[in-house]
Amino acid sequence: MKYYINIFFALLFSLGLVSCNASDNVSKPVPAYPQYGTRFDKMPKKENAVIYQVNIRAFSAAGTLKGVQDKLTYIQELGVNVIYLMPIYPVGVLKSAGGLGSPYAVKDYKAVNSEFGTLADLQVLVEEAHKKNMAVILDWVANHTSWDNAWITDHPDWYQKGSDGKIISPPSFNDVAQLDFSNTEMRKAMIDAMSYWIYTANVDGFRCDYADNVPPNFWSEAITQLRSFKQTNLLFLAEGKDVANFNAGFDYTFGFNFYGALKDVFSKSLSATSLQDANALEYANNYNDSQRIVRYITNHDVNLSDGTPIELFNGKKGSIAAFVVAAYMKSVPMIYNGQEQGYATRIPFFTHTPIDWSTGDLDMLAEYKKIIAFRNASIPLKTGTYKGFSSDAVSAFTMEKDTEKVLVLVNLTNTTTKYIVPAPLKSIAWKDGFSSTDAPLSAEVSLQPYQYLILKN
């Protein structure tokens, strides 16, 4: 019965007989699509998120949505509460990147790539993730479409054109066509397509690709409308660094600068204090202390272009040390599939090249679980105020909320180093963060290569 009621109201909406204006005091917003499943009532607060990025082509031997579903328990046991799926949509015929083509060249915004399965497969994946208290967000590609997207022929005015009147590509990406966000009808169609997924597949938000290149007023319009339609908490992650993204309603921006600084500490032997500078720079224009930046030591882009965490951070111990800093320093952590097991092979996303999970380091996986579990239980790490105490070799900082404080000490070098403990930190009755045993600090702490200490009061 609920299905037919939704269809009825969707018809009224399409005829203009029912308003979906969020400011309308007479009627609530009405969806254009029937709701699949039930509303997810365990959505994490934005500061509580731990995000796991899934490259569907690589995640399982099958390279399908069902392959992701089969490992949901694995993801859950890692301590994750938000699964971020790379683009699920059909890929355009022009495959300049080779292989199966870029998943960021979207042929149809309202379809599932048959390579990955069906809409029903996505629905079941989301439903099963919800049963395990994990949200699912989709990768949204708003900046451009593939050249064989139906919009090209049906609505050529929805695209940017050059001086010769022909539709143009964004710089360096000739497999896609640049959309024109001054076109009101295109914007409406884009928001409609996004709403299709939050209803038809019951997804919980979006990671928005190349967000800085899309006008902030579009994001503000889209996020406001989607949240009013859904009447629930949706998460929005901007793959961008502009503070305008926060102002537009995004929950998070991307820690591009922090990743670069972290990489330089290892590759150029820069001082660990440079991470304090990078942290300050990323938050410089953000005057709302509740906002958080998503930080990572790898993702699908940099894994392929720069190298794996094992390559970039001097092996498994170095990569764990880097992850601790990225996950704990006033951030929301994001993990790219495989890094938690020290997967040492770069992971393509233009081809079906499965991760060989049999080579994974289970001791490293256990350490990741421990690191994430502590963050999940720590109010200071999730919502606290940051203060830096770093030396050249050691990334040292506190995260504090009310009377609770966490001290993080991470040796980012491959040699044993001594850290001189600042006077304000010596007088605190510290306990080990993981074991809760007493861990008093002396005037000087010796840290082995890439060793980290997590203390709490």
Protein backbone atom coordinates (compact mmCIF):
# COMPACT_ATOMS: atom_id res chain seq x y z
CA MET A 1 0.00 0.00 0.00
CA LYS A 2 2.83 2.41 0.90
CA TYR A 3 4.31 1.88 -2.57
CA TYR A 4 1.09 2.94 -4.31
CA ILE A 5 0.69 5.95 -2.04
CA ASN A 6 4.20 7.06 -2.98
CA ILE A 7 3.41 6.60 -6.68
CA PHE A 8 0.24 8.65 -6.23
CA PHE A 9 2.06 11.54 -4.60
CA ALA A 10 4.88 11.34 -7.15
CA LEU A 11 2.23 11.80 -9.89
CA LEU A 12 0.78 14.81 -8.08
CA PHE A 13 4.27 16.24 -7.73
CA SER A 14 5.01 15.79 -11.45
CA LEU A 15 1.74 17.56 -12.33
CA GLY A 16 2.57 20.45 -10.04
CA LEU A 17 -0.40 19.74 -7.78
CA VAL A 18 1.75 19.18 -4.70
CA SER A 19 4.58 21.46 -3.65
CA CYS A 20 8.01 20.19 -2.65
CA ASN A 21 9.21 23.57 -1.42
CA ALA A 22 10.89 23.07 1.96
CA SER A 23 9.52 26.44 3.08
CA ASP A 24 5.94 25.43 2.30
CA ASN A 25 4.10 25.36 5.63
CA VAL A 26 1.10 23.58 4.16
CA SER A 27 2.70 20.34 2.91
CA LYS A 28 5.98 18.55 3.50
CA PRO A 29 8.39 17.88 0.61
CA VAL A 30 7.20 14.97 -1.49
CA PRO A 31 9.66 12.67 -3.25
CA ALA A 32 9.55 12.15 -6.99
CA TYR A 33 10.41 8.47 -6.46
CA PRO A 34 9.00 5.76 -4.20
CA GLN A 35 11.13 4.95 -1.18
CA TYR A 36 12.89 1.60 -1.23
CA GLY A 37 13.31 0.00 2.17
CA THR A 38 13.09 1.86 5.44
CA ARG A 39 14.90 4.95 6.61
CA PHE A 40 18.28 4.18 8.14
CA ASP A 41 18.06 5.27 11.78
CA LYS A 42 21.67 4.56 12.78
CA MET A 43 23.33 7.27 10.69
CA PRO A 44 26.57 8.33 12.39
CA LYS A 45 26.98 11.94 13.38
CA LYS A 46 29.39 13.55 10.96
CA GLU A 47 32.21 13.73 13.52
CA ASN A 48 31.82 10.02 14.31
CA ALA A 49 32.35 8.77 10.78
CA VAL A 50 35.06 6.33 9.75
CA ILE A 51 34.94 6.05 5.96
CA TYR A 52 35.98 3.04 3.88
CA GLN A 53 36.44 3.67 0.15
CA VAL A 54 35.59 0.71 -2.08
CA ASN A 55 36.99 0.36 -5.60
CA ILE A 56 34.31 -2.05 -6.83
CA ARG A 57 36.37 -3.34 -9.76
CA ALA A 58 39.22 -4.32 -7.43
CA PHE A 59 37.54 -5.19 -4.16
CA SER A 60 36.53 -8.75 -5.03
CA ALA A 61 37.44 -11.39 -7.59
CA ALA A 62 34.05 -10.83 -9.24
CA GLY A 63 34.39 -7.03 -9.24
CA THR A 64 30.70 -6.60 -8.46
CA LEU A 65 28.36 -5.11 -5.89
CA LYS A 66 27.65 -8.63 -4.67
CA GLY A 67 31.38 -8.99 -4.08
CA VAL A 68 31.21 -5.96 -1.79
CA GLN A 69 28.15 -7.32 -0.01
CA ASP A 70 29.96 -10.57 0.70
CA LYS A 71 32.63 -8.70 2.70
CA LEU A 72 30.38 -6.37 4.69
CA THR A 73 31.19 -8.19 7.92
CA TYR A 74 34.89 -7.69 7.23
CA ILE A 75 34.37 -3.95 6.74
CA GLN A 76 32.19 -3.68 9.83
CA GLU A 77 34.73 -5.48 12.02
CA LEU A 78 37.36 -2.97 10.94
CA GLY A 79 35.34 -0.35 12.83
CA VAL A 80 33.92 1.41 9.77
CA ASN A 81 30.48 3.04 9.79
CA VAL A 82 30.41 4.69 6.33
CA ILE A 83 31.07 2.79 3.09
CA TYR A 84 31.92 5.00 0.12
CA LEU A 85 31.41 3.28 -3.24
CA MET A 86 33.29 4.56 -6.26
CA PRO A 87 30.98 5.40 -9.22
CA ILE A 88 28.41 2.69 -9.89
CA TYR A 89 27.07 4.15 -13.17
CA PRO A 90 27.48 2.96 -16.78
CA VAL A 91 30.73 4.22 -18.32
CA GLY A 92 30.95 6.12 -21.60
CA VAL A 93 32.10 4.47 -24.81
CA LEU A 94 35.13 6.77 -25.23
CA LYS A 95 37.72 5.08 -23.03
CA SER A 96 40.75 7.34 -23.34
CA ALA A 97 42.09 5.94 -20.09
CA GLY A 98 42.16 2.46 -21.59
CA GLY A 99 40.76 -0.78 -20.22
CA LEU A 100 37.14 -0.59 -19.15
CA GLY A 101 37.15 3.19 -19.09
CA SER A 102 37.01 5.72 -16.29
CA PRO A 103 34.15 5.27 -13.82
CA TYR A 104 34.11 9.07 -13.69
CA ALA A 105 32.82 9.25 -17.30
CA VAL A 106 29.13 8.77 -16.51
CA LYS A 107 26.86 7.62 -19.32
CA ASP A 108 23.62 7.49 -17.32
CA TYR A 109 23.10 9.10 -13.90
CA LYS A 110 20.12 6.84 -13.14
CA ALA A 111 21.48 3.39 -13.92
CA VAL A 112 23.81 0.77 -12.46
CA ASN A 113 26.75 -0.33 -14.58
CA SER A 114 25.96 -3.90 -15.67
CA GLU A 115 29.61 -4.70 -15.02
CA PHE A 116 28.81 -4.33 -11.31
CA GLY A 117 25.35 -5.93 -11.29
CA THR A 118 21.83 -4.56 -11.06
CA LEU A 119 19.82 -2.00 -9.15
CA ALA A 120 18.52 -4.87 -7.03
CA ASP A 121 22.12 -5.77 -6.15
CA LEU A 122 22.74 -2.22 -4.97
CA GLN A 123 19.51 -2.18 -2.99
CA VAL A 124 20.43 -5.39 -1.20
CA LEU A 125 23.98 -4.16 -0.54
CA VAL A 126 22.64 -0.98 1.08
CA GLU A 127 20.02 -2.89 3.03
CA GLU A 128 22.58 -5.38 4.37
CA ALA A 129 25.02 -2.58 5.24
CA HIS A 130 22.26 -0.83 7.18
CA LYS A 131 21.61 -4.02 9.13
CA LYS A 132 25.23 -3.83 10.22
CA ASN A 133 24.86 -0.14 11.21
CA MET A 134 26.88 1.14 8.26
CA ALA A 135 25.81 3.96 5.97
CA VAL A 136 26.48 3.82 2.22
CA ILE A 137 27.37 6.87 0.15
CA LEU A 138 27.81 7.04 -3.62
CA ASP A 139 30.45 8.83 -5.64
CA TRP A 140 28.73 11.68 -7.53
CA VAL A 141 30.30 13.15 -10.68
CA ALA A 142 28.65 16.51 -11.24
CA ASN A 143 31.29 18.32 -13.27
CA HIS A 144 30.96 16.40 -16.54
CA THR A 145 29.38 13.45 -18.36
CA SER A 146 30.57 10.97 -20.95
CA TRP A 147 30.20 11.94 -24.60
CA ASP A 148 27.49 9.33 -25.14
CA ASN A 149 25.33 10.42 -22.21
CA ALA A 150 21.80 11.04 -23.53
CA TRP A 151 22.02 14.62 -22.29
CA ILE A 152 24.50 15.38 -25.09
CA THR A 153 21.93 14.81 -27.83
CA ASP A 154 18.76 15.64 -25.89
CA HIS A 155 20.04 18.79 -24.17
CA PRO A 156 23.21 20.13 -25.82
CA ASP A 157 22.48 23.49 -24.19
CA TRP A 158 23.29 21.88 -20.83
CA TYR A 159 27.00 21.84 -21.74
CA GLN A 160 29.72 24.45 -22.00
CA LYS A 161 30.81 25.34 -25.54
CA GLY A 162 33.92 26.77 -27.04
CA SER A 163 34.23 29.73 -29.41
CA ASP A 164 33.39 27.41 -32.30
CA GLY A 165 30.07 26.48 -30.68
CA LYS A 166 31.13 22.91 -29.95
CA ILE A 167 30.86 21.24 -26.55
CA ILE A 168 34.17 21.21 -24.72
CA SER A 169 35.97 18.85 -22.38
CA PRO A 170 37.46 19.88 -19.05
CA PRO A 171 41.24 20.39 -19.29
CA SER A 172 43.19 17.11 -19.63
CA PHE A 173 40.09 14.87 -19.72
CA ASN A 174 38.94 14.35 -23.30
CA ASP A 175 36.69 11.36 -22.48
CA VAL A 176 34.11 13.65 -20.84
CA ALA A 177 32.08 16.76 -21.69
CA GLN A 178 31.88 19.82 -19.44
CA LEU A 179 28.46 20.67 -18.00
CA ASP A 180 27.17 24.24 -17.79
CA PHE A 181 25.90 25.11 -14.32
CA SER A 182 24.39 28.37 -15.49
CA ASN A 183 21.63 26.25 -17.06
CA THR A 184 18.73 25.99 -14.63
CA GLU A 185 17.16 22.93 -16.25
CA MET A 186 20.41 20.99 -16.08
CA ARG A 187 20.73 21.78 -12.38
CA LYS A 188 17.20 20.52 -11.77
CA ALA A 189 17.95 17.31 -13.67
CA MET A 190 21.15 16.79 -11.67
CA ILE A 191 19.33 17.17 -8.34
CA ASP A 192 16.58 14.89 -9.60
CA ALA A 193 19.16 12.21 -10.45
CA MET A 194 20.74 12.49 -7.01
CA SER A 195 17.32 12.17 -5.37
CA TYR A 196 16.69 9.06 -7.46
CA TRP A 197 19.40 7.20 -5.54
CA ILE A 198 18.50 8.35 -2.05
CA TYR A 199 15.00 6.98 -2.62
CA THR A 200 15.38 4.13 -5.10
CA ALA A 201 18.45 2.62 -3.42
CA ASN A 202 18.03 4.26 0.02
CA VAL A 203 21.63 5.52 0.01
CA ASP A 204 22.83 7.89 2.72
CA GLY A 205 24.67 10.63 0.89
CA PHE A 206 27.39 11.39 -1.63
CA ARG A 207 31.10 11.92 -2.03
CA CYS A 208 31.14 14.66 -4.68
CA ASP A 209 33.93 14.47 -7.23
CA TYR A 210 35.93 17.60 -8.15
CA ALA A 211 33.64 19.68 -5.95
CA ASP A 212 35.71 22.86 -6.19
CA ASN A 213 34.99 23.11 -9.93
CA VAL A 214 31.21 23.13 -9.43
CA PRO A 215 29.61 26.42 -8.32
CA PRO A 216 28.97 26.52 -4.55
CA ASN A 217 25.45 27.80 -5.14
CA PHE A 218 24.63 24.56 -6.95
CA TRP A 219 25.88 22.48 -4.05
CA SER A 220 23.91 24.63 -1.63
CA GLU A 221 20.75 24.18 -3.70
CA ALA A 222 21.28 20.43 -4.11
CA ILE A 223 22.18 19.67 -0.50
CA THR A 224 19.36 21.78 0.89
CA GLN A 225 16.77 20.16 -1.39
CA LEU A 226 18.00 16.61 -0.88
CA ARG A 227 18.00 16.95 2.88
CA SER A 228 14.51 18.44 2.86
CA PHE A 229 13.19 15.71 0.54
CA LYS A 230 14.67 12.87 2.55
CA GLN A 231 13.86 14.31 5.97
CA THR A 232 16.87 12.49 7.40
CA ASN A 233 20.57 12.92 7.99
CA LEU A 234 22.54 12.61 4.76
CA LEU A 235 26.34 12.84 4.61
CA PHE A 236 28.06 14.95 1.96
CA LEU A 237 31.81 14.79 1.35
CA ALA A 238 33.38 17.33 -1.00
CA GLU A 239 36.42 16.23 -2.93
CA GLY A 240 37.62 19.79 -2.63
CA LYS A 241 39.44 22.11 -0.26
CA ASP A 242 37.50 25.38 -0.56
CA VAL A 243 35.80 26.61 2.60
CA ALA A 244 32.87 27.48 0.33
CA ASN A 245 32.03 23.78 0.39
CA PHE A 246 31.35 23.94 4.13
CA ASN A 247 29.25 27.06 3.59
CA ALA A 248 27.27 25.20 0.92
CA GLY A 249 26.32 22.48 3.39
CA PHE A 250 28.99 19.82 2.99
CA ASP A 251 29.91 17.89 6.11
CA TYR A 252 33.53 17.41 5.06
CA THR A 253 36.20 18.59 2.68
CA PHE A 254 39.28 16.69 1.46
CA GLY A 255 42.68 16.95 3.14
CA PHE A 256 44.72 17.42 -0.05
CA ASN A 257 47.33 19.64 1.62
CA PHE A 258 47.68 17.42 4.66
CA TYR A 259 48.26 14.35 2.52
CA GLY A 260 50.91 16.22 0.55
CA ALA A 261 52.62 17.42 3.71
CA LEU A 262 52.57 13.94 5.23
CA LYS A 263 54.10 12.48 2.09
CA ASP A 264 56.84 15.16 2.13
CA VAL A 265 57.76 14.40 5.73
CA PHE A 266 58.70 10.90 4.59
CA SER A 267 60.11 11.58 1.12
CA LYS A 268 61.91 14.88 1.84
CA SER A 269 62.71 14.41 5.52
CA LEU A 270 60.75 17.53 6.42
CA SER A 271 60.09 18.35 10.05
CA ALA A 272 57.01 16.83 11.66
CA THR A 273 56.08 20.40 12.62
CA SER A 274 55.13 20.89 8.96
CA LEU A 275 52.06 18.78 9.68
CA GLN A 276 50.98 21.32 12.28
CA ASP A 277 51.34 23.98 9.59
CA ALA A 278 49.34 21.90 7.11
CA ASN A 279 46.61 21.35 9.68
CA ALA A 280 46.44 25.07 10.44
CA LEU A 281 46.36 25.92 6.73
CA GLU A 282 43.47 23.57 5.99
CA TYR A 283 41.40 24.99 8.84
CA ALA A 284 42.51 28.61 8.42
CA ASN A 285 39.30 29.80 6.77
CA ASN A 286 37.00 27.49 8.68
CA TYR A 287 35.58 29.33 11.67
CA ASN A 288 33.23 26.57 12.79
CA ASP A 289 35.20 24.22 15.01
CA SER A 290 32.63 21.45 14.55
CA GLN A 291 33.68 21.00 10.92
CA ARG A 292 36.14 18.27 10.06
CA ILE A 293 38.43 17.52 7.14
CA VAL A 294 38.65 13.98 5.78
CA ARG A 295 42.24 12.78 5.88
CA TYR A 296 43.87 9.77 4.31
CA ILE A 297 47.20 8.20 3.43
CA THR A 298 45.89 6.84 0.13
CA ASN A 299 42.85 6.86 -2.14
CA HIS A 300 42.06 5.61 -5.64
CA ASP A 301 43.80 8.55 -7.33
CA VAL A 302 47.04 8.79 -5.38
CA ASN A 303 47.40 5.04 -4.95
CA LEU A 304 47.70 4.77 -8.72
CA SER A 305 49.63 7.98 -9.41
CA ASP A 306 51.89 8.37 -6.36
CA GLY A 307 52.23 4.86 -4.98
CA THR A 308 50.86 2.65 -2.25
CA PRO A 309 51.23 3.60 1.42
CA ILE A 310 53.95 0.96 1.62
CA GLU A 311 55.89 2.84 -1.09
CA LEU A 312 55.21 6.34 0.22
CA PHE A 313 55.67 5.82 3.96
CA ASN A 314 58.65 3.49 4.13
CA GLY A 315 56.93 0.17 4.64
CA LYS A 316 54.20 -1.15 6.87
CA LYS A 317 55.35 0.42 10.14
CA GLY A 318 55.78 3.81 8.51
CA SER A 319 52.37 3.60 6.85
CA ILE A 320 50.71 2.77 10.18
CA ALA A 321 52.47 5.72 11.81
CA ALA A 322 51.24 7.98 9.01
CA PHE A 323 47.70 6.64 9.38
CA VAL A 324 47.65 7.33 13.13
CA VAL A 325 48.49 10.99 12.51
CA ALA A 326 45.99 11.31 9.64
CA ALA A 327 43.22 9.58 11.61
CA TYR A 328 43.70 11.38 14.92
CA MET A 329 44.73 14.96 14.10
CA LYS A 330 41.38 16.82 14.06
CA SER A 331 40.04 14.74 11.23
CA VAL A 332 37.62 12.14 9.94
CA PRO A 333 39.66 9.17 8.68
CA MET A 334 39.21 7.55 5.29
CA ILE A 335 40.65 4.13 4.43
CA TYR A 336 41.13 2.86 0.88
CA ASN A 337 40.48 -0.85 0.44
CA GLY A 338 43.61 -2.89 1.04
CA GLN A 339 45.69 -0.37 2.99
CA GLU A 340 44.56 -1.91 6.28
CA GLN A 341 46.35 -5.12 5.30
CA GLY A 342 49.44 -3.46 3.87
CA TYR A 343 48.55 -4.29 0.27
CA ALA A 344 51.72 -3.37 -1.59
CA THR A 345 50.50 -3.42 -5.21
CA ARG A 346 49.01 -0.31 -6.80
CA ILE A 347 45.30 -0.76 -7.48
CA PRO A 348 44.01 0.25 -10.94
CA PHE A 349 40.48 1.50 -11.36
CA PHE A 350 40.27 1.48 -15.17
CA THR A 351 40.52 -2.31 -15.29
CA HIS A 352 39.21 -5.30 -13.38
CA THR A 353 42.33 -6.13 -11.38
CA PRO A 354 41.26 -7.74 -8.10
CA ILE A 355 43.10 -7.21 -4.83
CA ASP A 356 44.88 -10.38 -3.77
CA TRP A 357 43.60 -10.55 -0.21
CA SER A 358 45.58 -13.76 0.41
CA THR A 359 48.75 -11.66 0.65
CA GLY A 360 47.31 -9.46 3.42
CA ASP A 361 49.06 -8.88 6.73
CA LEU A 362 46.58 -9.93 9.42
CA ASP A 363 48.73 -8.51 12.23
CA MET A 364 48.56 -5.13 10.51
CA LEU A 365 44.80 -5.53 10.13
CA ALA A 366 44.52 -6.17 13.88
CA GLU A 367 46.53 -3.02 14.56
CA TYR A 368 44.24 -0.99 12.31
CA LYS A 369 41.23 -2.33 14.21
CA LYS A 370 42.82 -1.25 17.48
CA ILE A 371 43.60 2.26 16.16
CA ILE A 372 40.08 2.72 14.78
CA ALA A 373 38.39 1.28 17.88
CA PHE A 374 40.16 3.81 20.08
CA ARG A 375 39.06 6.65 17.84
CA ASN A 376 35.48 5.37 17.84
CA ALA A 377 35.46 5.40 21.65
CA SER A 378 37.25 8.75 22.09
CA ILE A 379 35.20 11.91 22.43
CA PRO A 380 38.31 14.16 22.32
CA LEU A 381 39.51 12.65 19.04
CA LYS A 382 36.09 13.06 17.43
CA THR A 383 35.06 16.49 18.71
CA GLY A 384 37.94 17.91 20.71
CA THR A 385 40.22 20.92 20.37
CA TYR A 386 43.65 20.40 18.84
CA LYS A 387 46.98 21.66 20.19
CA GLY A 388 50.38 20.86 18.67
CA PHE A 389 53.63 20.00 20.47
CA SER A 390 55.66 18.48 17.63
CA SER A 391 59.42 18.23 17.30
CA ASP A 392 61.31 17.64 14.07
CA ALA A 393 61.00 13.86 14.35
CA VAL A 394 57.83 13.41 16.39
CA SER A 395 54.30 14.44 15.51
CA ALA A 396 52.96 15.31 18.96
CA PHE A 397 49.56 16.80 19.73
CA THR A 398 46.65 16.72 22.12
CA MET A 399 42.95 16.54 21.41
CA GLU A 400 40.88 17.81 24.34
CA LYS A 401 37.18 17.91 25.14
CA ASP A 402 35.97 19.19 28.53
CA THR A 403 38.06 17.30 31.09
CA GLU A 404 39.14 14.51 28.70
CA LYS A 405 42.44 14.69 26.88
CA VAL A 406 44.32 12.44 24.45
CA LEU A 407 48.04 12.78 23.76
CA VAL A 408 49.41 11.39 20.49
CA LEU A 409 53.16 10.87 19.99
CA VAL A 410 54.30 9.42 16.65
CA ASN A 411 57.92 9.01 15.55
CA LEU A 412 57.85 9.70 11.80
CA THR A 413 61.48 8.72 11.21
CA ASN A 414 63.26 5.42 10.66
CA THR A 415 65.62 5.97 13.60
CA THR A 416 65.18 5.86 17.36
CA THR A 417 64.53 9.35 18.64
CA LYS A 418 64.15 11.11 21.96
CA TYR A 419 61.23 13.45 22.55
CA ILE A 420 61.47 16.13 25.23
CA VAL A 421 58.08 16.24 26.93
CA PRO A 422 56.71 19.78 27.38
CA ALA A 423 56.16 20.74 31.03
CA PRO A 424 52.34 21.04 30.78
CA LEU A 425 52.11 17.39 29.66
CA LYS A 426 54.34 15.84 32.33
CA SER A 427 52.07 16.57 35.27
CA ILE A 428 49.04 14.73 33.85
CA ALA A 429 48.17 11.24 35.15
CA TRP A 430 48.30 9.51 31.78
CA LYS A 431 47.04 6.04 30.97
CA ASP A 432 47.82 3.95 27.91
CA GLY A 433 45.05 4.57 25.39
CA PHE A 434 44.69 0.93 24.41
CA SER A 435 45.22 -0.91 27.69
CA SER A 436 44.18 1.80 30.21
CA THR A 437 47.21 0.93 32.35
CA ASP A 438 49.10 3.76 34.06
CA ALA A 439 51.63 5.39 31.73
CA PRO A 440 53.35 8.32 33.47
CA LEU A 441 55.58 10.52 31.35
CA SER A 442 59.13 11.38 32.32
CA ALA A 443 60.98 14.39 31.01
CA GLU A 444 62.13 12.45 27.98
CA VAL A 445 60.52 9.69 25.92
CA SER A 446 62.45 7.35 23.64
CA LEU A 447 60.57 6.20 20.56
CA GLN A 448 61.65 3.41 18.23
CA PRO A 449 61.43 3.93 14.43
CA TYR A 450 57.81 4.70 13.53
CA GLN A 451 56.65 3.90 17.07
CA TYR A 452 53.55 5.66 18.36
CA LEU A 453 52.14 6.22 21.84
CA ILE A 454 48.49 7.02 22.50
CA LEU A 455 47.79 8.28 26.02
CA LYS A 456 44.63 9.45 27.75
CA ASN A 457 43.91 11.00 31.13
